[in-house]
C-alpha cells in the first residue's frame, strides 16, 4: 500500500480566483498582489508585508535589505532546511551554524562563540523557538534578527504571531507548508518602512521608479495568479 506524502487538492474558490486573475488582472503586479500583502500583514500584525516568489527569496532579500553582505557572519541553527544557510551564502556572507535547543528544536544562542552580524532563528515544524533568548542575544550584540517562519504561519509566541517579533519575518507558501498559494511563493513581514521599500525594490531588479534602478536586485516577484489563490 502506497501512502501519498500529501494530496493535491484545489477548491472551487481557488480555481475561480485563479481564472479571474488570468482574465481580469495584470500577470505581474495585479491587484491580488497588494490585496494579499495587506491581508497577510494584518494577519501577522505588522505594518508591511512584501510578497516574493519563495521563502528562500524572502530570506535572501531580507538579509540584503539589512545590509548583510561580504565578510558578514550570520548565525543560524543546523536543524532547518538548507535555505536557511543558502540565503546567507547568496549574499556572500558566512553562515555560522549553531547547536539546537533540545526543548523546542530551535536555535541555542549559548552555542554561538564568535561575533556575528545578524541572526536567523528558525521556528521549526510550526514550533516557535525560544525567542526571549534570541532577542536578548541580539540586543547585547546590537544585531538584526530575521525570523525564518517558513514552517510556522500562525504560530504564536507570548501572544504575538511569529514573523512580527523581529526586524523581518520570512514565510514560504510552498505546497507542503501549512499555507500555500498553489505553487511557490513567499512573504517578508516588517514594521520598518525603509526595509519594506528595499525589499520591494530588490525583488524587482533593484527598481526605484519605472525606468530607474539604483541597487542590485533580482526577478523575485510573486505572480498575480498565485496571490489570488
Protein backbone atom coordinates (compact mmCIF):
# COMPACT_ATOMS: atom_id res chain seq x y z
CA UNK A 1 0.00 0.00 0.00
CA UNK A 2 1.39 3.36 -1.03
CA UNK A 3 0.51 6.27 1.23
CA UNK A 4 0.96 9.63 -0.54
CA UNK A 5 3.08 12.32 1.13
CA UNK A 6 0.22 14.75 0.59
CA UNK A 7 -2.87 15.03 -1.59
CA UNK A 8 -3.01 17.83 -4.13
CA UNK A 9 -6.42 19.46 -3.83
CA UNK A 10 -7.91 22.67 -5.16
CA UNK A 11 -11.24 24.10 -4.10
CA UNK A 12 -13.70 25.69 -6.49
CA UNK A 13 -12.98 29.02 -4.82
CA UNK A 14 -9.27 28.69 -5.59
CA UNK A 15 -9.96 27.76 -9.22
CA UNK A 16 -12.32 30.71 -9.66
CA UNK A 17 -9.77 33.10 -8.12
CA UNK A 18 -7.07 31.87 -10.50
CA UNK A 19 -9.28 32.18 -13.58
CA UNK A 20 -10.44 35.66 -12.53
CA UNK A 21 -6.84 36.81 -12.11
CA UNK A 22 -5.90 35.43 -15.54
CA UNK A 23 -8.85 37.13 -17.24
CA UNK A 24 -9.00 40.45 -15.43
CA UNK A 25 -5.64 41.32 -13.87
CA UNK A 26 -2.07 42.00 -14.95
CA UNK A 27 0.08 38.88 -14.85
CA UNK A 28 2.69 40.86 -12.89
CA UNK A 29 1.70 43.23 -10.10
CA UNK A 30 -2.06 42.70 -10.35
CA UNK A 31 -4.40 43.94 -7.65
CA UNK A 32 -4.39 40.50 -6.00
CA UNK A 33 -0.75 41.12 -5.03
CA UNK A 34 -1.43 44.22 -2.94
CA UNK A 35 -4.61 42.69 -1.51
CA UNK A 36 -2.75 39.54 -0.41
CA UNK A 37 0.07 41.62 1.11
CA UNK A 38 -2.36 43.81 3.04
CA UNK A 39 -4.32 40.85 4.38
CA UNK A 40 -1.18 38.94 5.37
CA UNK A 41 0.30 41.97 7.16
CA UNK A 42 -2.95 42.33 9.08
CA UNK A 43 -2.92 38.62 9.96
CA UNK A 44 0.68 38.69 11.23
CA UNK A 45 0.11 42.14 12.82
CA UNK A 46 2.92 44.00 11.09
CA UNK A 47 2.76 47.28 9.18
CA UNK A 48 4.13 45.79 5.97
CA UNK A 49 4.19 42.51 4.08
CA UNK A 50 6.05 42.14 0.79
CA UNK A 51 5.37 39.12 -1.41
CA UNK A 52 8.13 37.27 -3.26
CA UNK A 53 8.46 34.06 -5.25
CA UNK A 54 9.70 31.79 -2.43
CA UNK A 55 10.65 31.60 1.23
CA UNK A 56 14.30 31.33 0.17
CA UNK A 57 13.97 34.61 -1.72
CA UNK A 58 12.32 36.25 1.29
CA UNK A 59 15.30 35.29 3.46
CA UNK A 60 17.92 36.40 0.93
CA UNK A 61 16.28 39.72 0.14
CA UNK A 62 15.73 40.47 3.83
CA UNK A 63 19.44 40.00 4.52
CA UNK A 64 20.27 42.32 1.63
CA UNK A 65 17.77 44.93 2.84
CA UNK A 66 19.52 44.86 6.23
CA UNK A 67 22.91 45.39 4.53
CA UNK A 68 24.28 41.92 5.27
CA UNK A 69 26.94 41.22 2.64
CA UNK A 70 30.63 40.42 2.13
CA UNK A 71 32.51 39.48 5.30
CA UNK A 72 29.32 39.44 7.40
CA UNK A 73 28.69 36.48 9.67
CA UNK A 74 25.15 35.24 10.27
CA UNK A 75 24.17 32.68 12.92
CA UNK A 76 21.50 30.10 12.10
CA UNK A 77 20.72 26.63 13.52
CA UNK A 78 21.68 23.33 11.93
CA UNK A 79 18.17 21.94 12.41
CA UNK A 80 16.49 23.54 9.39
CA UNK A 81 16.01 23.30 5.64
CA UNK A 82 19.12 24.16 3.61
CA UNK A 83 17.60 27.50 2.54
CA UNK A 84 18.32 28.98 5.99
CA UNK A 85 22.05 28.68 5.27
CA UNK A 86 21.90 29.08 1.47
CA UNK A 87 20.38 32.54 1.75
CA UNK A 88 23.38 33.66 3.78
CA UNK A 89 25.86 32.37 1.19
CA UNK A 90 23.85 34.03 -1.59
CA UNK A 91 24.66 37.40 0.00
CA UNK A 92 28.36 36.43 0.16
CA UNK A 93 28.12 36.29 3.94
CA UNK A 94 29.30 33.38 6.10
CA UNK A 95 26.83 31.06 7.86
CA UNK A 96 27.73 30.36 11.48
CA UNK A 97 25.93 27.11 12.24
CA UNK A 98 24.75 26.69 15.81
CA UNK A 99 23.61 23.89 18.04
CA UNK A 100 19.91 23.46 18.82
CA UNK A 101 17.83 23.72 21.96
CA UNK A 102 16.55 20.19 22.61
CA UNK A 103 13.40 21.57 24.25
CA UNK A 104 11.98 23.06 21.05
CA UNK A 105 14.39 22.18 18.22
CA UNK A 106 15.23 25.85 17.73
CA UNK A 107 18.46 27.79 17.94
CA UNK A 108 20.64 27.60 21.06
CA UNK A 109 22.25 31.04 21.25
CA UNK A 110 24.61 29.88 24.01
CA UNK A 111 26.45 27.83 21.36
CA UNK A 112 27.43 30.98 19.42
CA UNK A 113 31.04 31.60 20.38
CA UNK A 114 32.04 34.35 17.94
CA UNK A 115 30.88 37.78 16.93
CA UNK A 116 28.10 37.71 14.32
CA UNK A 117 26.41 40.46 12.33
CA UNK A 118 22.88 39.02 12.23
CA UNK A 119 20.93 36.03 13.45
CA UNK A 120 18.31 33.86 11.72
CA UNK A 121 16.36 31.82 14.28
CA UNK A 122 14.11 29.15 12.79
CA UNK A 123 10.61 28.33 14.04
CA UNK A 124 10.90 24.70 13.03
CA UNK A 125 7.92 22.38 12.36
CA UNK A 126 5.50 25.15 13.31
CA UNK A 127 7.00 25.41 16.80
CA UNK A 128 8.29 28.84 17.90
CA UNK A 129 11.88 28.89 19.12
CA UNK A 130 12.91 30.42 22.46
CA UNK A 131 12.69 33.95 21.14
CA UNK A 132 13.39 35.59 24.50
CA UNK A 133 16.94 34.26 24.41
CA UNK A 134 17.33 35.27 20.75
CA UNK A 135 16.14 38.81 21.44
CA UNK A 136 18.43 39.19 24.45
CA UNK A 137 21.40 37.92 22.43
CA UNK A 138 20.62 40.30 19.54
CA UNK A 139 20.23 43.28 21.86
CA UNK A 140 23.55 42.52 23.55
CA UNK A 141 25.28 42.12 20.17
CA UNK A 142 23.36 45.03 18.59
CA UNK A 143 22.46 42.95 15.54
CA UNK A 144 19.26 42.46 13.49
CA UNK A 145 17.02 39.39 13.70
CA UNK A 146 15.48 37.73 10.65
CA UNK A 147 12.88 35.14 11.63
CA UNK A 148 12.70 32.05 9.43
CA UNK A 149 9.00 31.37 9.90
CA UNK A 150 8.68 29.41 6.65
CA UNK A 151 7.11 26.48 8.53
CA UNK A 152 5.23 28.45 11.16
CA UNK A 153 2.39 30.51 9.69
CA UNK A 154 0.03 31.37 12.55
CA UNK A 155 2.32 30.15 15.35
CA UNK A 156 2.15 32.33 18.46
CA UNK A 157 4.88 33.28 20.92
CA UNK A 158 3.86 35.22 24.04
CA UNK A 159 0.58 36.31 22.42
CA UNK A 160 2.27 37.57 19.23
CA UNK A 161 2.42 35.93 15.81
CA UNK A 162 5.83 34.75 14.70
CA UNK A 163 7.02 36.99 11.90
CA UNK A 164 6.15 40.06 13.98
CA UNK A 165 8.80 39.56 16.67
CA UNK A 166 11.89 40.72 14.78
CA UNK A 167 13.29 43.10 12.19
CA UNK A 168 11.94 40.91 9.38
CA UNK A 169 9.88 37.71 9.32
CA UNK A 170 10.09 35.33 6.36
CA UNK A 171 7.43 32.88 5.19
CA UNK A 172 7.16 30.21 2.49
CA UNK A 173 4.00 29.17 0.66
CA UNK A 174 5.46 26.04 -0.92
CA UNK A 175 2.73 23.36 -1.33
CA UNK A 176 3.95 21.28 1.64
CA UNK A 177 3.63 24.23 4.04
CA UNK A 178 0.58 24.82 6.22
CA UNK A 179 -0.42 27.70 3.94
CA UNK A 180 0.12 27.67 0.20
CA UNK A 181 -0.61 29.69 -2.92
CA UNK A 182 -0.95 26.78 -5.33
CA UNK A 183 2.77 26.76 -6.11
CA UNK A 184 5.93 28.50 -4.91
CA UNK A 185 5.65 31.77 -3.04
CA UNK A 186 6.97 33.71 -0.07
CA UNK A 187 6.44 36.78 2.10
CA UNK A 188 8.59 39.13 4.16
CA UNK A 189 6.93 40.96 7.06
CA UNK A 190 8.28 44.01 8.89
CA UNK A 191 7.36 47.16 10.79
CA UNK A 192 10.22 49.10 9.20
CA UNK A 193 9.12 51.17 6.20
CA UNK A 194 12.67 51.60 4.85
CA UNK A 195 13.33 47.86 4.98
CA UNK A 196 9.99 47.13 3.29
CA UNK A 197 10.81 49.58 0.50
CA UNK A 198 14.23 47.97 -0.02
CA UNK A 199 12.67 44.50 -0.23
CA UNK A 200 10.14 45.74 -2.81
CA UNK A 201 12.95 47.21 -4.87
CA UNK A 202 15.29 44.21 -4.68
CA UNK A 203 12.53 41.75 -5.66
CA UNK A 204 12.02 43.82 -8.83
CA UNK A 205 15.62 44.05 -10.13
CA UNK A 206 16.52 46.97 -7.86
CA UNK A 207 13.84 49.21 -9.34
CA UNK A 208 13.42 52.74 -7.92
CA UNK A 209 11.00 54.13 -10.49
CA UNK A 210 9.63 52.76 -13.77
CA UNK A 211 12.89 53.27 -15.66
CA UNK A 212 15.38 53.84 -12.83
CA UNK A 213 17.32 51.14 -10.97
CA UNK A 214 19.59 52.10 -8.07
CA UNK A 215 20.63 48.81 -6.46
CA UNK A 216 21.39 45.16 -7.16
CA UNK A 217 18.20 43.18 -7.49
CA UNK A 218 16.53 40.10 -8.90
CA UNK A 219 13.30 38.96 -10.51
CA UNK A 220 11.75 37.52 -7.36
CA UNK A 221 8.17 38.79 -7.57
CA UNK A 222 5.16 36.65 -6.70
CA UNK A 223 2.86 36.29 -9.71
CA UNK A 224 -0.71 37.51 -9.66
CA UNK A 225 -2.37 34.11 -10.07
CA UNK A 226 -0.61 32.64 -7.03
CA UNK A 227 -1.50 35.72 -4.98
CA UNK A 228 -5.15 35.39 -5.98
CA UNK A 229 -5.22 31.75 -4.87
